[in-house]
Amino acid sequence: EARAGLGEVYLLRGVPEEALVQAERALEGARSGRAETGRTWRVKALALLELRRFSPALDAARRAVALSPDDPRCAEAHASVCFRSGRMAEASSSYLRATELEPRTEEGSLRLGNGFATDLHARKPWRDGAEAKVQVTLAEGE
């Protein structure tokens, strides 16, 4: 757990390489008898994401959610990996889960909105006037 915390610090400082080292060391400790945690896998997922290693980041994020299904930060990490790797439907689902677990999850709310906007843009709803309806709905807070 301490190494996962140190990995989080490295992520915040913008040093994903060192965050990944700390996560890997924590996971080595887990292999030798200590329990794995979603937190450690979340750190690994986010470090890999910052290093643009999307496939292993997705695997790590899925493991984080499997180990800690009620941790909004794990759900949010999974959603971030999905979002940045173009998996919008999966990202939206995970961001929704994160905000269900913790309604004050700002990142989740922001990304959910961005994912919705990206998805809307991809479908080109303005062809049938749906865009105006969405804008009105969002403005009214529905």
C-alpha atoms as a PDB file:
ATOM      1  CA  GLU A   1       0.000   0.000   0.000  1.00  0.00           C
ATOM      2  CA  ALA A   2       2.842   2.402   0.775  1.00  0.00           C
ATOM      3  CA  ARG A   3       4.372   1.845  -2.655  1.00  0.00           C
ATOM      4  CA  ALA A   4       0.999   2.508  -4.284  1.00  0.00           C
ATOM      5  CA  GLY A   5       0.830   5.780  -2.363  1.00  0.00           C
ATOM      6  CA  LEU A   6       4.311   6.676  -3.518  1.00  0.00           C
ATOM      7  CA  GLY A   7       3.262   5.833  -7.064  1.00  0.00           C
ATOM      8  CA  GLU A   8       0.348   8.246  -6.722  1.00  0.00           C
ATOM      9  CA  VAL A   9       2.772  10.985  -5.681  1.00  0.00           C
ATOM     10  CA  TYR A  10       4.910  10.313  -8.736  1.00  0.00           C
ATOM     11  CA  LEU A  11       1.822  10.488 -10.944  1.00  0.00           C
ATOM     12  CA  LEU A  12       0.896  13.845  -9.441  1.00  0.00           C
ATOM     13  CA  ARG A  13       4.431  15.091 -10.039  1.00  0.00           C
ATOM     14  CA  GLY A  14       4.263  14.005 -13.685  1.00  0.00           C
ATOM     15  CA  VAL A  15       6.747  11.143 -13.431  1.00  0.00           C
ATOM     16  CA  PRO A  16       4.788   8.130 -14.733  1.00  0.00           C
ATOM     17  CA  GLU A  17       7.920   6.032 -15.269  1.00  0.00           C
ATOM     18  CA  GLU A  18       8.681   6.085 -11.542  1.00  0.00           C
ATOM     19  CA  ALA A  19       5.008   5.572 -10.659  1.00  0.00           C
ATOM     20  CA  LEU A  20       5.072   2.432 -12.779  1.00  0.00           C
ATOM     21  CA  VAL A  21       8.215   1.206 -10.993  1.00  0.00           C
ATOM     22  CA  GLN A  22       6.514   1.669  -7.621  1.00  0.00           C
ATOM     23  CA  ALA A  23       3.357  -0.120  -8.773  1.00  0.00           C
ATOM     24  CA  GLU A  24       5.405  -3.018 -10.134  1.00  0.00           C
ATOM     25  CA  ARG A  25       7.313  -3.305  -6.852  1.00  0.00           C
ATOM     26  CA  ALA A  26       4.050  -3.300  -4.920  1.00  0.00           C
ATOM     27  CA  LEU A  27       2.721  -6.052  -7.164  1.00  0.00           C
ATOM     28  CA  GLU A  28       5.911  -8.072  -6.670  1.00  0.00           C
ATOM     29  CA  GLY A  29       5.271  -7.838  -2.931  1.00  0.00           C
ATOM     30  CA  ALA A  30       1.718  -9.042  -3.504  1.00  0.00           C
ATOM     31  CA  ARG A  31       3.036 -12.053  -5.393  1.00  0.00           C
ATOM     32  CA  SER A  32       5.103 -12.974  -2.366  1.00  0.00           C
ATOM     33  CA  GLY A  33       2.151 -13.174  -0.030  1.00  0.00           C
ATOM     34  CA  ARG A  34       0.629  -9.728   0.386  1.00  0.00           C
ATOM     35  CA  ALA A  35      -2.823  -9.127  -1.034  1.00  0.00           C
ATOM     36  CA  GLU A  36      -3.185  -7.245  -4.310  1.00  0.00           C
ATOM     37  CA  THR A  37      -5.165  -4.030  -4.127  1.00  0.00           C
ATOM     38  CA  GLY A  38      -7.189  -2.111  -6.645  1.00  0.00           C
ATOM     39  CA  ARG A  39      -5.205   0.964  -5.685  1.00  0.00           C
ATOM     40  CA  THR A  40      -1.922  -0.551  -6.878  1.00  0.00           C
ATOM     41  CA  TRP A  41      -3.438  -1.658 -10.175  1.00  0.00           C
ATOM     42  CA  ARG A  42      -5.018   1.792 -10.578  1.00  0.00           C
ATOM     43  CA  VAL A  43      -1.609   3.439 -10.192  1.00  0.00           C
ATOM     44  CA  LYS A  44      -0.165   1.018 -12.722  1.00  0.00           C
ATOM     45  CA  ALA A  45      -3.016   1.701 -15.154  1.00  0.00           C
ATOM     46  CA  LEU A  46      -2.632   5.473 -14.903  1.00  0.00           C
ATOM     47  CA  ALA A  47       1.160   5.303 -15.258  1.00  0.00           C
ATOM     48  CA  LEU A  48       0.830   3.122 -18.356  1.00  0.00           C
ATOM     49  CA  LEU A  49      -1.804   5.485 -19.709  1.00  0.00           C
ATOM     50  CA  GLU A  50       0.519   8.460 -19.333  1.00  0.00           C
ATOM     51  CA  LEU A  51       3.193   6.451 -21.131  1.00  0.00           C
ATOM     52  CA  ARG A  52       0.661   5.842 -23.932  1.00  0.00           C
ATOM     53  CA  ARG A  53       0.737   2.081 -23.469  1.00  0.00           C
ATOM     54  CA  PHE A  54      -2.998   1.702 -23.882  1.00  0.00           C
ATOM     55  CA  SER A  55      -3.458  -2.066 -24.064  1.00  0.00           C
ATOM     56  CA  PRO A  56      -1.587  -2.910 -20.841  1.00  0.00           C
ATOM     57  CA  ALA A  57      -3.178   0.158 -19.210  1.00  0.00           C
ATOM     58  CA  LEU A  58      -6.608  -1.228 -20.025  1.00  0.00           C
ATOM     59  CA  ASP A  59      -5.692  -4.625 -18.566  1.00  0.00           C
ATOM     60  CA  ALA A  60      -4.426  -2.970 -15.375  1.00  0.00           C
ATOM     61  CA  ALA A  61      -7.510  -0.751 -15.088  1.00  0.00           C
ATOM     62  CA  ARG A  62      -9.813  -3.739 -15.476  1.00  0.00           C
ATOM     63  CA  ARG A  63      -7.885  -5.545 -12.746  1.00  0.00           C
ATOM     64  CA  ALA A  64      -8.198  -2.496 -10.473  1.00  0.00           C
ATOM     65  CA  VAL A  65     -11.981  -2.455 -10.920  1.00  0.00           C
ATOM     66  CA  ALA A  66     -12.201  -6.222 -10.394  1.00  0.00           C
ATOM     67  CA  LEU A  67     -10.310  -5.958  -7.100  1.00  0.00           C
ATOM     68  CA  SER A  68     -12.065  -2.798  -5.883  1.00  0.00           C
ATOM     69  CA  PRO A  69     -15.487  -2.567  -7.553  1.00  0.00           C
ATOM     70  CA  ASP A  70     -16.717  -0.002  -5.022  1.00  0.00           C
ATOM     71  CA  ASP A  71     -13.769   2.375  -5.356  1.00  0.00           C
ATOM     72  CA  PRO A  72     -14.763   5.358  -7.516  1.00  0.00           C
ATOM     73  CA  ARG A  73     -11.120   6.156  -8.245  1.00  0.00           C
ATOM     74  CA  CYS A  74     -10.631   2.704  -9.802  1.00  0.00           C
ATOM     75  CA  ALA A  75     -13.759   3.151 -11.909  1.00  0.00           C
ATOM     76  CA  GLU A  76     -12.539   6.598 -12.911  1.00  0.00           C
ATOM     77  CA  ALA A  77      -9.104   5.262 -13.876  1.00  0.00           C
ATOM     78  CA  HIS A  78     -10.737   2.576 -16.004  1.00  0.00           C
ATOM     79  CA  ALA A  79     -12.902   5.223 -17.639  1.00  0.00           C
ATOM     80  CA  SER A  80      -9.898   7.453 -18.336  1.00  0.00           C
ATOM     81  CA  VAL A  81      -8.029   4.618 -20.000  1.00  0.00           C
ATOM     82  CA  CYS A  82     -11.085   3.783 -22.105  1.00  0.00           C
ATOM     83  CA  PHE A  83     -11.629   7.439 -23.004  1.00  0.00           C
ATOM     84  CA  ARG A  84      -8.043   8.005 -24.099  1.00  0.00           C
ATOM     85  CA  SER A  85      -7.986   4.785 -26.104  1.00  0.00           C
ATOM     86  CA  GLY A  86     -11.214   5.632 -27.953  1.00  0.00           C
ATOM     87  CA  ARG A  87     -13.570   3.220 -26.183  1.00  0.00           C
ATOM     88  CA  MET A  88     -16.314   5.789 -25.621  1.00  0.00           C
ATOM     89  CA  ALA A  89     -19.175   3.468 -24.645  1.00  0.00           C
ATOM     90  CA  GLU A  90     -17.026   1.689 -22.073  1.00  0.00           C
ATOM     91  CA  ALA A  91     -15.679   5.028 -20.832  1.00  0.00           C
ATOM     92  CA  SER A  92     -19.184   6.447 -20.374  1.00  0.00           C
ATOM     93  CA  SER A  93     -20.264   3.369 -18.447  1.00  0.00           C
ATOM     94  CA  SER A  94     -17.272   3.594 -16.110  1.00  0.00           C
ATOM     95  CA  TYR A  95     -17.631   7.342 -15.599  1.00  0.00           C
ATOM     96  CA  LEU A  96     -21.274   6.788 -14.694  1.00  0.00           C
ATOM     97  CA  ARG A  97     -20.216   4.120 -12.202  1.00  0.00           C
ATOM     98  CA  ALA A  98     -17.607   6.447 -10.688  1.00  0.00           C
ATOM     99  CA  THR A  99     -20.132   9.253 -10.237  1.00  0.00           C
ATOM    100  CA  GLU A 100     -22.680   6.810  -8.781  1.00  0.00           C
ATOM    101  CA  LEU A 101     -20.114   5.736  -6.198  1.00  0.00           C
ATOM    102  CA  GLU A 102     -18.956   9.290  -5.507  1.00  0.00           C
ATOM    103  CA  PRO A 103     -21.234  12.043  -6.848  1.00  0.00           C
ATOM    104  CA  ARG A 104     -18.553  14.675  -6.235  1.00  0.00           C
ATOM    105  CA  THR A 105     -16.202  12.981  -8.680  1.00  0.00           C
ATOM    106  CA  GLU A 106     -15.350  16.059 -10.730  1.00  0.00           C
ATOM    107  CA  GLU A 107     -13.132  14.249 -13.201  1.00  0.00           C
ATOM    108  CA  GLY A 108     -15.836  11.657 -13.795  1.00  0.00           C
ATOM    109  CA  SER A 109     -18.493  14.284 -14.379  1.00  0.00           C
ATOM    110  CA  LEU A 110     -16.251  16.282 -16.689  1.00  0.00           C
ATOM    111  CA  ARG A 111     -15.182  13.254 -18.711  1.00  0.00           C
ATOM    112  CA  LEU A 112     -18.720  11.922 -18.886  1.00  0.00           C
ATOM    113  CA  GLY A 113     -19.779  15.250 -20.406  1.00  0.00           C
ATOM    114  CA  ASN A 114     -16.837  15.203 -22.818  1.00  0.00           C
ATOM    115  CA  GLY A 115     -17.631  11.637 -23.822  1.00  0.00           C
ATOM    116  CA  PHE A 116     -21.261  12.563 -24.391  1.00  0.00           C
ATOM    117  CA  ALA A 117     -20.251  15.554 -26.504  1.00  0.00           C
ATOM    118  CA  THR A 118     -17.777  13.467 -28.515  1.00  0.00           C
ATOM    119  CA  ASP A 119     -20.368  10.776 -29.089  1.00  0.00           C
ATOM    120  CA  LEU A 120     -22.949  13.378 -30.090  1.00  0.00           C
ATOM    121  CA  HIS A 121     -20.528  14.969 -32.537  1.00  0.00           C
ATOM    122  CA  ALA A 122     -19.690  11.588 -34.089  1.00  0.00           C
ATOM    123  CA  ARG A 123     -23.374  10.914 -34.762  1.00  0.00           C
ATOM    124  CA  LYS A 124     -23.931  14.366 -36.317  1.00  0.00           C
ATOM    125  CA  PRO A 125     -27.343  14.860 -34.687  1.00  0.00           C
ATOM    126  CA  TRP A 126     -27.726  18.347 -36.113  1.00  0.00           C
ATOM    127  CA  ARG A 127     -29.006  16.775 -39.331  1.00  0.00           C
ATOM    128  CA  ASP A 128     -32.401  16.161 -37.741  1.00  0.00           C
ATOM    129  CA  GLY A 129     -32.502  19.041 -35.261  1.00  0.00           C
ATOM    130  CA  ALA A 130     -31.596  16.845 -32.280  1.00  0.00           C
ATOM    131  CA  GLU A 131     -28.651  19.067 -31.361  1.00  0.00           C
ATOM    132  CA  ALA A 132     -30.944  21.970 -30.470  1.00  0.00           C
ATOM    133  CA  LYS A 133     -33.011  19.670 -28.250  1.00  0.00           C
ATOM    134  CA  VAL A 134     -29.875  18.434 -26.468  1.00  0.00           C
ATOM    135  CA  GLN A 135     -28.684  21.997 -25.897  1.00  0.00           C
ATOM    136  CA  VAL A 136     -32.054  23.013 -24.459  1.00  0.00           C
ATOM    137  CA  THR A 137     -32.182  19.890 -22.278  1.00  0.00           C
ATOM    138  CA  LEU A 138     -28.684  20.540 -20.928  1.00  0.00           C
ATOM    139  CA  ALA A 139     -29.472  24.199 -20.326  1.00  0.00           C
ATOM    140  CA  GLU A 140     -32.600  23.254 -18.362  1.00  0.00           C
ATOM    141  CA  GLY A 141     -30.634  20.761 -16.293  1.00  0.00           C
ATOM    142  CA  GLU A 142     -32.692  17.708 -17.307  1.00  0.00           C
END
